[in-house]
Amino acid sequence: MKKTPLLILVSCVMIFAVSCANLVTVGKPSPTLTKIQERKAVIVGTAANMPPLNMMTKKGVPAGLDVDLAQAIAGAMGVELKLVTKNFADLLPALEKGEVDMVISGMTITPDRNLKVAFAGPYHITGKSYLTKAAAIAKITNPKELNSAKFHFTALAGSTSEQLVKELMPLAKYTPVDKYDDGVALVLADKVDAMVSDYHACIVAAVRNPKAGLITVISRFTYEPLGIALPAGDSHLLNWMDNFIGIMSESGGLEAMKLKWIENPNWITELP
């Protein structure tokens, strides 16, 4: 929907007012922002294997919604973007050790994670689904109905998908994987009954394998707010990032990124 000049003006005034209010809570200058400015580069951790949020193209170039968002952050800071790819489970430990300045990798904001690091956002809302060949499993909308020893599931190690399987399906057999592609391969080879993951990833897998008989539940059965993970205790950086996400949201920048990566599937041909 096209915004009128008056609406845009009102939005900018509101964003500025919120920014000024948040500045009251900022104490010392951000040590992270200081490092970023001194090195003239922001180091962002991502898994680069979670399409359409983050992935590697055939040419070995990182791409996706998270990558575009990271690039926009670097541009707003006036520095270069340096992406560091790690297995999803290793991203938060890398942030806590100071190996990366932030993590943007389809990471759900959870109370447990928030005890260790700060989160800005959410910048996108998603939910869990499952990828399977079994029509009977695809019809199930309540994950508790899958809590049976006759089922075998896979999910990304260290993810909220893994947590969901362990908490709601403890009787089922479970095999963790480090990458979505590995989980999809297990489903394709009939080594597991289903992969539990972000519903965008399930849809992408089904589209990429049109003749494999893959089925996915499109309706989300969990609420997953995705956030940018930041070092704990850095109120200035958190303030900056919250304001940045607010501006991107109100200006239509985030919406444009989501249309590009979530609504338009043309990028799938660029995957290996």
C-alpha atoms as a PDB file:
ATOM      1  CA  MET A   1       0.000   0.000   0.000  1.00  0.00           C
ATOM      2  CA  LYS A   2       1.403   3.360  -1.016  1.00  0.00           C
ATOM      3  CA  LYS A   3       1.964   5.751   1.889  1.00  0.00           C
ATOM      4  CA  THR A   4       0.856   9.377   1.641  1.00  0.00           C
ATOM      5  CA  PRO A   5       3.391  12.155   2.383  1.00  0.00           C
ATOM      6  CA  LEU A   6       1.429  13.021   5.543  1.00  0.00           C
ATOM      7  CA  LEU A   7       1.570   9.421   6.784  1.00  0.00           C
ATOM      8  CA  ILE A   8       5.292   9.249   6.112  1.00  0.00           C
ATOM      9  CA  LEU A   9       5.821  12.536   7.989  1.00  0.00           C
ATOM     10  CA  VAL A  10       3.799  11.316  10.962  1.00  0.00           C
ATOM     11  CA  SER A  11       5.736   8.033  10.977  1.00  0.00           C
ATOM     12  CA  CYS A  12       9.070   9.861  10.987  1.00  0.00           C
ATOM     13  CA  VAL A  13       7.954  12.103  13.850  1.00  0.00           C
ATOM     14  CA  MET A  14       6.845   9.066  15.846  1.00  0.00           C
ATOM     15  CA  ILE A  15      10.131   7.264  15.210  1.00  0.00           C
ATOM     16  CA  PHE A  16      12.105  10.341  16.260  1.00  0.00           C
ATOM     17  CA  ALA A  17      10.023  10.671  19.433  1.00  0.00           C
ATOM     18  CA  VAL A  18      10.623   7.023  20.343  1.00  0.00           C
ATOM     19  CA  SER A  19      14.322   7.410  19.589  1.00  0.00           C
ATOM     20  CA  CYS A  20      14.599  10.408  21.907  1.00  0.00           C
ATOM     21  CA  ALA A  21      12.755   8.559  24.653  1.00  0.00           C
ATOM     22  CA  ASN A  22      15.063   5.558  24.316  1.00  0.00           C
ATOM     23  CA  LEU A  23      18.176   7.717  24.428  1.00  0.00           C
ATOM     24  CA  VAL A  24      17.426   8.464  28.066  1.00  0.00           C
ATOM     25  CA  THR A  25      18.269   4.849  28.918  1.00  0.00           C
ATOM     26  CA  VAL A  26      21.622   4.861  27.135  1.00  0.00           C
ATOM     27  CA  GLY A  27      24.632   5.071  29.439  1.00  0.00           C
ATOM     28  CA  LYS A  28      28.238   4.814  28.311  1.00  0.00           C
ATOM     29  CA  PRO A  29      29.117   4.800  24.590  1.00  0.00           C
ATOM     30  CA  SER A  30      28.854   1.356  23.054  1.00  0.00           C
ATOM     31  CA  PRO A  31      32.109  -0.634  23.169  1.00  0.00           C
ATOM     32  CA  THR A  32      30.808  -2.709  20.241  1.00  0.00           C
ATOM     33  CA  LEU A  33      29.980   0.327  18.111  1.00  0.00           C
ATOM     34  CA  THR A  34      33.386   1.773  18.951  1.00  0.00           C
ATOM     35  CA  LYS A  35      35.112  -1.410  17.716  1.00  0.00           C
ATOM     36  CA  ILE A  36      32.988  -1.441  14.573  1.00  0.00           C
ATOM     37  CA  GLN A  37      33.862   2.168  13.769  1.00  0.00           C
ATOM     38  CA  GLU A  38      37.567   1.644  14.464  1.00  0.00           C
ATOM     39  CA  ARG A  39      37.849  -1.441  12.232  1.00  0.00           C
ATOM     40  CA  LYS A  40      35.464   0.092   9.681  1.00  0.00           C
ATOM     41  CA  ALA A  41      33.572  -3.189   9.414  1.00  0.00           C
ATOM     42  CA  VAL A  42      30.721  -4.909  11.245  1.00  0.00           C
ATOM     43  CA  ILE A  43      31.114  -8.659  11.777  1.00  0.00           C
ATOM     44  CA  VAL A  44      27.807 -10.521  11.501  1.00  0.00           C
ATOM     45  CA  GLY A  45      27.392 -14.214  12.256  1.00  0.00           C
ATOM     46  CA  THR A  46      24.960 -16.292  10.192  1.00  0.00           C
ATOM     47  CA  ALA A  47      24.376 -19.939   9.313  1.00  0.00           C
ATOM     48  CA  ALA A  48      24.054 -19.271   5.558  1.00  0.00           C
ATOM     49  CA  ASN A  49      22.037 -22.465   5.095  1.00  0.00           C
ATOM     50  CA  MET A  50      18.498 -21.455   6.092  1.00  0.00           C
ATOM     51  CA  PRO A  51      16.704 -20.312   2.917  1.00  0.00           C
ATOM     52  CA  PRO A  52      15.055 -17.899   2.321  1.00  0.00           C
ATOM     53  CA  LEU A  53      16.521 -16.124   5.354  1.00  0.00           C
ATOM     54  CA  ASN A  54      20.182 -16.926   4.734  1.00  0.00           C
ATOM     55  CA  MET A  55      21.907 -19.218   2.229  1.00  0.00           C
ATOM     56  CA  MET A  56      24.815 -19.628  -0.183  1.00  0.00           C
ATOM     57  CA  THR A  57      24.237 -19.285  -3.932  1.00  0.00           C
ATOM     58  CA  LYS A  58      25.765 -21.438  -6.656  1.00  0.00           C
ATOM     59  CA  LYS A  59      28.576 -18.884  -6.856  1.00  0.00           C
ATOM     60  CA  GLY A  60      29.308 -19.206  -3.144  1.00  0.00           C
ATOM     61  CA  VAL A  61      27.839 -15.789  -2.327  1.00  0.00           C
ATOM     62  CA  PRO A  62      25.729 -15.353   0.836  1.00  0.00           C
ATOM     63  CA  ALA A  63      22.166 -14.210   0.123  1.00  0.00           C
ATOM     64  CA  GLY A  64      18.740 -13.933   1.721  1.00  0.00           C
ATOM     65  CA  LEU A  65      16.623 -11.681   3.895  1.00  0.00           C
ATOM     66  CA  ASP A  66      19.122 -11.795   6.769  1.00  0.00           C
ATOM     67  CA  VAL A  67      22.016 -10.942   4.462  1.00  0.00           C
ATOM     68  CA  ASP A  68      20.189  -7.949   2.978  1.00  0.00           C
ATOM     69  CA  LEU A  69      19.317  -6.781   6.478  1.00  0.00           C
ATOM     70  CA  ALA A  70      22.952  -7.115   7.579  1.00  0.00           C
ATOM     71  CA  GLN A  71      24.065  -5.143   4.523  1.00  0.00           C
ATOM     72  CA  ALA A  72      21.563  -2.395   5.333  1.00  0.00           C
ATOM     73  CA  ILE A  73      22.887  -2.225   8.901  1.00  0.00           C
ATOM     74  CA  ALA A  74      26.464  -1.909   7.645  1.00  0.00           C
ATOM     75  CA  GLY A  75      25.399   0.827   5.242  1.00  0.00           C
ATOM     76  CA  ALA A  76      23.630   2.759   8.010  1.00  0.00           C
ATOM     77  CA  MET A  77      26.770   2.480  10.160  1.00  0.00           C
ATOM     78  CA  GLY A  78      28.956   3.635   7.277  1.00  0.00           C
ATOM     79  CA  VAL A  79      31.165   0.544   7.409  1.00  0.00           C
ATOM     80  CA  GLU A  80      31.778  -2.642   5.419  1.00  0.00           C
ATOM     81  CA  LEU A  81      29.942  -5.900   6.109  1.00  0.00           C
ATOM     82  CA  LYS A  82      31.931  -8.980   7.065  1.00  0.00           C
ATOM     83  CA  LEU A  83      29.855 -12.168   7.278  1.00  0.00           C
ATOM     84  CA  VAL A  84      31.063 -15.091   9.365  1.00  0.00           C
ATOM     85  CA  THR A  85      29.312 -18.408   8.663  1.00  0.00           C
ATOM     86  CA  LYS A  86      28.977 -21.024  11.396  1.00  0.00           C
ATOM     87  CA  ASN A  87      26.673 -23.889  12.282  1.00  0.00           C
ATOM     88  CA  PHE A  88      23.543 -22.477  13.879  1.00  0.00           C
ATOM     89  CA  ALA A  89      24.348 -23.968  17.296  1.00  0.00           C
ATOM     90  CA  ASP A  90      27.748 -22.206  17.301  1.00  0.00           C
ATOM     91  CA  LEU A  91      26.465 -18.691  16.573  1.00  0.00           C
ATOM     92  CA  LEU A  92      25.497 -17.536  20.079  1.00  0.00           C
ATOM     93  CA  PRO A  93      28.697 -18.938  21.642  1.00  0.00           C
ATOM     94  CA  ALA A  94      30.635 -16.953  19.020  1.00  0.00           C
ATOM     95  CA  LEU A  95      28.732 -13.801  19.997  1.00  0.00           C
ATOM     96  CA  GLU A  96      29.390 -14.378  23.697  1.00  0.00           C
ATOM     97  CA  LYS A  97      33.121 -14.840  22.974  1.00  0.00           C
ATOM     98  CA  GLY A  98      33.242 -11.601  20.978  1.00  0.00           C
ATOM     99  CA  GLU A  99      34.059 -13.356  17.691  1.00  0.00           C
ATOM    100  CA  VAL A 100      31.133 -11.576  15.996  1.00  0.00           C
ATOM    101  CA  ASP A 101      29.450  -8.250  16.715  1.00  0.00           C
ATOM    102  CA  MET A 102      25.931  -9.614  16.231  1.00  0.00           C
ATOM    103  CA  VAL A 103      24.010 -12.609  14.922  1.00  0.00           C
ATOM    104  CA  ILE A 104      21.384 -12.379  12.161  1.00  0.00           C
ATOM    105  CA  SER A 105      20.358 -15.911  11.283  1.00  0.00           C
ATOM    106  CA  GLY A 106      16.644 -16.572  11.569  1.00  0.00           C
ATOM    107  CA  MET A 107      17.062 -16.753  15.342  1.00  0.00           C
ATOM    108  CA  THR A 108      13.932 -16.842  17.458  1.00  0.00           C
ATOM    109  CA  ILE A 109      13.854 -14.562  20.479  1.00  0.00           C
ATOM    110  CA  THR A 110      13.376 -16.860  23.487  1.00  0.00           C
ATOM    111  CA  PRO A 111      13.563 -16.194  27.254  1.00  0.00           C
ATOM    112  CA  ASP A 112      16.434 -18.676  27.613  1.00  0.00           C
ATOM    113  CA  ARG A 113      18.538 -17.073  24.883  1.00  0.00           C
ATOM    114  CA  ASN A 114      17.669 -13.623  26.176  1.00  0.00           C
ATOM    115  CA  LEU A 115      19.212 -14.500  29.547  1.00  0.00           C
ATOM    116  CA  LYS A 116      22.592 -14.722  27.798  1.00  0.00           C
ATOM    117  CA  VAL A 117      22.413 -12.093  25.045  1.00  0.00           C
ATOM    118  CA  ALA A 118      20.304  -9.076  24.087  1.00  0.00           C
ATOM    119  CA  PHE A 119      17.844  -9.081  21.198  1.00  0.00           C
ATOM    120  CA  ALA A 120      16.633  -6.275  18.939  1.00  0.00           C
ATOM    121  CA  GLY A 121      13.427  -6.773  17.011  1.00  0.00           C
ATOM    122  CA  PRO A 122      11.581  -8.759  15.987  1.00  0.00           C
ATOM    123  CA  TYR A 123      12.246  -8.025  12.332  1.00  0.00           C
ATOM    124  CA  HIS A 124      10.114 -10.941  11.109  1.00  0.00           C
ATOM    125  CA  ILE A 125       7.489 -13.310  12.516  1.00  0.00           C
ATOM    126  CA  THR A 126       7.455 -16.929  11.433  1.00  0.00           C
ATOM    127  CA  GLY A 127       6.528 -20.307  12.894  1.00  0.00           C
ATOM    128  CA  LYS A 128       7.365 -23.989  12.926  1.00  0.00           C
ATOM    129  CA  SER A 129       6.149 -26.553  10.429  1.00  0.00           C
ATOM    130  CA  TYR A 130       7.275 -29.956   9.230  1.00  0.00           C
ATOM    131  CA  LEU A 131       8.402 -31.461   5.962  1.00  0.00           C
ATOM    132  CA  THR A 132       7.345 -35.035   5.223  1.00  0.00           C
ATOM    133  CA  LYS A 133       6.346 -37.555   2.572  1.00  0.00           C
ATOM    134  CA  ALA A 134       3.549 -38.981   4.714  1.00  0.00           C
ATOM    135  CA  ALA A 135       0.118 -37.484   4.011  1.00  0.00           C
ATOM    136  CA  ALA A 136      -1.132 -38.662   7.426  1.00  0.00           C
ATOM    137  CA  ILE A 137       1.585 -36.678   9.213  1.00  0.00           C
ATOM    138  CA  ALA A 138       0.940 -33.609   7.064  1.00  0.00           C
ATOM    139  CA  LYS A 139      -2.684 -33.544   8.203  1.00  0.00           C
ATOM    140  CA  ILE A 140      -1.696 -33.227  11.862  1.00  0.00           C
ATOM    141  CA  THR A 141      -1.780 -29.637  13.115  1.00  0.00           C
ATOM    142  CA  ASN A 142      -1.127 -30.358  16.803  1.00  0.00           C
ATOM    143  CA  PRO A 143       2.498 -31.495  17.343  1.00  0.00           C
ATOM    144  CA  LYS A 144       1.453 -33.402  20.483  1.00  0.00           C
ATOM    145  CA  GLU A 145      -0.232 -35.939  18.204  1.00  0.00           C
ATOM    146  CA  LEU A 146       3.223 -36.804  16.875  1.00  0.00           C
ATOM    147  CA  ASN A 147       4.491 -37.837  20.306  1.00  0.00           C
ATOM    148  CA  SER A 148       4.913 -41.528  19.554  1.00  0.00           C
ATOM    149  CA  ALA A 149       7.779 -44.011  19.394  1.00  0.00           C
ATOM    150  CA  LYS A 150       6.676 -44.947  15.872  1.00  0.00           C
ATOM    151  CA  PHE A 151       7.852 -41.564  14.553  1.00  0.00           C
ATOM    152  CA  HIS A 152      11.391 -40.417  13.756  1.00  0.00           C
ATOM    153  CA  PHE A 153      12.150 -36.687  13.379  1.00  0.00           C
ATOM    154  CA  THR A 154      15.059 -34.429  12.531  1.00  0.00           C
ATOM    155  CA  ALA A 155      15.678 -30.736  13.245  1.00  0.00           C
ATOM    156  CA  LEU A 156      18.463 -28.178  13.275  1.00  0.00           C
ATOM    157  CA  ALA A 157      20.764 -28.633  16.272  1.00  0.00           C
ATOM    158  CA  GLY A 158      20.454 -25.824  18.814  1.00  0.00           C
ATOM    159  CA  SER A 159      17.250 -24.474  17.262  1.00  0.00           C
ATOM    160  CA  THR A 160      13.767 -23.926  18.670  1.00  0.00           C
ATOM    161  CA  SER A 161      12.685 -26.705  16.284  1.00  0.00           C
ATOM    162  CA  GLU A 162      14.905 -29.103  18.218  1.00  0.00           C
ATOM    163  CA  GLN A 163      13.470 -27.775  21.484  1.00  0.00           C
ATOM    164  CA  LEU A 164       9.927 -28.333  20.192  1.00  0.00           C
ATOM    165  CA  VAL A 165      10.678 -31.956  19.297  1.00  0.00           C
ATOM    166  CA  LYS A 166      12.294 -32.681  22.657  1.00  0.00           C
ATOM    167  CA  GLU A 167       9.534 -31.030  24.687  1.00  0.00           C
ATOM    168  CA  LEU A 168       6.410 -32.052  22.779  1.00  0.00           C
ATOM    169  CA  MET A 169       7.561 -35.290  21.134  1.00  0.00           C
ATOM    170  CA  PRO A 170       9.847 -36.938  23.732  1.00  0.00           C
ATOM    171  CA  LEU A 171       8.670 -40.450  22.829  1.00  0.00           C
ATOM    172  CA  ALA A 172       9.709 -40.072  19.186  1.00  0.00           C
ATOM    173  CA  LYS A 173      13.162 -40.906  17.855  1.00  0.00           C
ATOM    174  CA  TYR A 174      15.212 -37.815  17.085  1.00  0.00           C
ATOM    175  CA  THR A 175      18.270 -37.137  14.900  1.00  0.00           C
ATOM    176  CA  PRO A 176      19.780 -33.601  14.944  1.00  0.00           C
ATOM    177  CA  VAL A 177      21.477 -32.051  11.894  1.00  0.00           C
ATOM    178  CA  ASP A 178      23.778 -29.050  11.482  1.00  0.00           C
ATOM    179  CA  LYS A 179      22.190 -27.845   8.227  1.00  0.00           C
ATOM    180  CA  TYR A 180      18.697 -27.757   6.758  1.00  0.00           C
ATOM    181  CA  ASP A 181      19.957 -29.487   3.603  1.00  0.00           C
ATOM    182  CA  ASP A 182      21.071 -32.449   5.717  1.00  0.00           C
ATOM    183  CA  GLY A 183      17.621 -32.687   7.269  1.00  0.00           C
ATOM    184  CA  VAL A 184      15.901 -32.527   3.884  1.00  0.00           C
ATOM    185  CA  ALA A 185      18.229 -35.284   2.636  1.00  0.00           C
ATOM    186  CA  LEU A 186      17.128 -37.532   5.521  1.00  0.00           C
ATOM    187  CA  VAL A 187      13.483 -36.986   4.600  1.00  0.00           C
ATOM    188  CA  LEU A 188      14.150 -37.643   0.915  1.00  0.00           C
ATOM    189  CA  ALA A 189      16.007 -40.876   1.755  1.00  0.00           C
ATOM    190  CA  ASP A 190      13.139 -42.028   4.045  1.00  0.00           C
ATOM    191  CA  LYS A 191      15.535 -42.167   6.997  1.00  0.00           C
ATOM    192  CA  VAL A 192      13.210 -39.963   9.079  1.00  0.00           C
ATOM    193  CA  ASP A 193       9.462 -39.385   8.946  1.00  0.00           C
ATOM    194  CA  ALA A 194       9.663 -35.602   8.981  1.00  0.00           C
ATOM    195  CA  MET A 195      11.865 -32.560   9.490  1.00  0.00           C
ATOM    196  CA  VAL A 196      10.634 -29.908  11.927  1.00  0.00           C
ATOM    197  CA  SER A 197      11.778 -26.423  10.938  1.00  0.00           C
ATOM    198  CA  ASP A 198      10.787 -22.887  10.060  1.00  0.00           C
ATOM    199  CA  TYR A 199       7.811 -23.116   7.715  1.00  0.00           C
ATOM    200  CA  HIS A 200       9.559 -20.992   5.058  1.00  0.00           C
ATOM    201  CA  ALA A 201      12.375 -23.576   4.888  1.00  0.00           C
ATOM    202  CA  CYS A 202       9.845 -26.407   4.517  1.00  0.00           C
ATOM    203  CA  ILE A 203       8.146 -24.673   1.604  1.00  0.00           C
ATOM    204  CA  VAL A 204      11.493 -23.962  -0.095  1.00  0.00           C
ATOM    205  CA  ALA A 205      12.491 -27.635   0.228  1.00  0.00           C
ATOM    206  CA  ALA A 206       9.185 -28.767  -1.300  1.00  0.00           C
ATOM    207  CA  VAL A 207       9.548 -26.320  -4.217  1.00  0.00           C
ATOM    208  CA  ARG A 208      13.147 -27.392  -4.875  1.00  0.00           C
ATOM    209  CA  ASN A 209      12.152 -31.076  -5.006  1.00  0.00           C
ATOM    210  CA  PRO A 210       8.877 -31.045  -6.979  1.00  0.00           C
ATOM    211  CA  LYS A 211       8.967 -34.748  -7.898  1.00  0.00           C
ATOM    212  CA  ALA A 212       9.913 -36.106  -4.471  1.00  0.00           C
ATOM    213  CA  GLY A 213       6.389 -36.169  -3.058  1.00  0.00           C
ATOM    214  CA  LEU A 214       7.244 -33.777  -0.243  1.00  0.00           C
ATOM    215  CA  ILE A 215       4.393 -32.275   1.770  1.00  0.00           C
ATOM    216  CA  THR A 216       4.477 -29.459   4.304  1.00  0.00           C
ATOM    217  CA  VAL A 217       2.005 -27.853   6.665  1.00  0.00           C
ATOM    218  CA  ILE A 218       1.731 -24.247   5.510  1.00  0.00           C
ATOM    219  CA  SER A 219      -0.170 -22.960   8.556  1.00  0.00           C
ATOM    220  CA  ARG A 220       2.183 -22.078  11.427  1.00  0.00           C
ATOM    221  CA  PHE A 221       1.585 -23.873  14.713  1.00  0.00           C
ATOM    222  CA  THR A 222       4.014 -21.822  16.805  1.00  0.00           C
ATOM    223  CA  TYR A 223       4.831 -18.121  17.191  1.00  0.00           C
ATOM    224  CA  GLU A 224       8.457 -17.397  16.277  1.00  0.00           C
ATOM    225  CA  PRO A 225       9.641 -13.761  16.518  1.00  0.00           C
ATOM    226  CA  LEU A 226      13.033 -13.461  14.811  1.00  0.00           C
ATOM    227  CA  GLY A 227      15.513 -11.023  16.317  1.00  0.00           C
ATOM    228  CA  ILE A 228      19.056  -9.704  15.977  1.00  0.00           C
ATOM    229  CA  ALA A 229      21.232 -11.110  18.759  1.00  0.00           C
ATOM    230  CA  LEU A 230      23.567  -8.552  20.350  1.00  0.00           C
ATOM    231  CA  PRO A 231      26.160  -8.602  23.160  1.00  0.00           C
ATOM    232  CA  ALA A 232      24.626  -8.420  26.636  1.00  0.00           C
ATOM    233  CA  GLY A 233      24.974  -5.145  28.515  1.00  0.00           C
ATOM    234  CA  ASP A 234      25.515  -2.887  25.503  1.00  0.00           C
ATOM    235  CA  SER A 235      22.528  -0.538  25.857  1.00  0.00           C
ATOM    236  CA  HIS A 236      23.781   1.944  23.247  1.00  0.00           C
ATOM    237  CA  LEU A 237      24.044  -0.729  20.537  1.00  0.00           C
ATOM    238  CA  LEU A 238      20.618  -2.131  21.485  1.00  0.00           C
ATOM    239  CA  ASN A 239      19.163   1.393  21.315  1.00  0.00           C
ATOM    240  CA  TRP A 240      20.726   1.962  17.881  1.00  0.00           C
ATOM    241  CA  MET A 241      19.451  -1.359  16.534  1.00  0.00           C
ATOM    242  CA  ASP A 242      15.903  -0.946  17.866  1.00  0.00           C
ATOM    243  CA  ASN A 243      15.685   2.480  16.240  1.00  0.00           C
ATOM    244  CA  PHE A 244      17.142   1.135  12.988  1.00  0.00           C
ATOM    245  CA  ILE A 245      14.571  -1.686  12.810  1.00  0.00           C
ATOM    246  CA  GLY A 246      11.804   0.803  13.578  1.00  0.00           C
ATOM    247  CA  ILE A 247      12.892   3.095  10.771  1.00  0.00           C
ATOM    248  CA  MET A 248      13.249   0.185   8.324  1.00  0.00           C
ATOM    249  CA  SER A 249       9.779  -1.036   9.233  1.00  0.00           C
ATOM    250  CA  GLU A 250       8.059   2.347   8.947  1.00  0.00           C
ATOM    251  CA  SER A 251       9.865   3.322   5.729  1.00  0.00           C
ATOM    252  CA  GLY A 252       8.897   0.110   3.946  1.00  0.00           C
ATOM    253  CA  GLY A 253      12.468  -1.199   3.746  1.00  0.00           C
ATOM    254  CA  LEU A 254      11.740  -4.410   5.634  1.00  0.00           C
ATOM    255  CA  GLU A 255       8.570  -5.012   3.636  1.00  0.00           C
ATOM    256  CA  ALA A 256      10.540  -4.731   0.395  1.00  0.00           C
ATOM    257  CA  MET A 257      13.085  -7.289   1.627  1.00  0.00           C
ATOM    258  CA  LYS A 258      10.328  -9.716   2.602  1.00  0.00           C
ATOM    259  CA  LEU A 259       8.636  -9.342  -0.774  1.00  0.00           C
ATOM    260  CA  LYS A 260      11.963 -10.089  -2.462  1.00  0.00           C
ATOM    261  CA  TRP A 261      12.889 -13.182  -0.461  1.00  0.00           C
ATOM    262  CA  ILE A 262       9.630 -14.603   0.903  1.00  0.00           C
ATOM    263  CA  GLU A 263       6.927 -13.733  -1.631  1.00  0.00           C
ATOM    264  CA  ASN A 264       9.022 -13.963  -4.817  1.00  0.00           C
ATOM    265  CA  PRO A 265      10.559 -17.430  -5.445  1.00  0.00           C
ATOM    266  CA  ASN A 266      12.762 -16.434  -8.418  1.00  0.00           C
ATOM    267  CA  TRP A 267      15.917 -16.639  -6.300  1.00  0.00           C
ATOM    268  CA  ILE A 268      15.510 -20.433  -5.899  1.00  0.00           C
ATOM    269  CA  THR A 269      17.259 -20.974  -9.254  1.00  0.00           C
ATOM    270  CA  GLU A 270      20.390 -19.419  -7.731  1.00  0.00           C
ATOM    271  CA  LEU A 271      20.717 -22.213  -5.141  1.00  0.00           C
ATOM    272  CA  PRO A 272      23.175 -25.102  -5.695  1.00  0.00           C
END
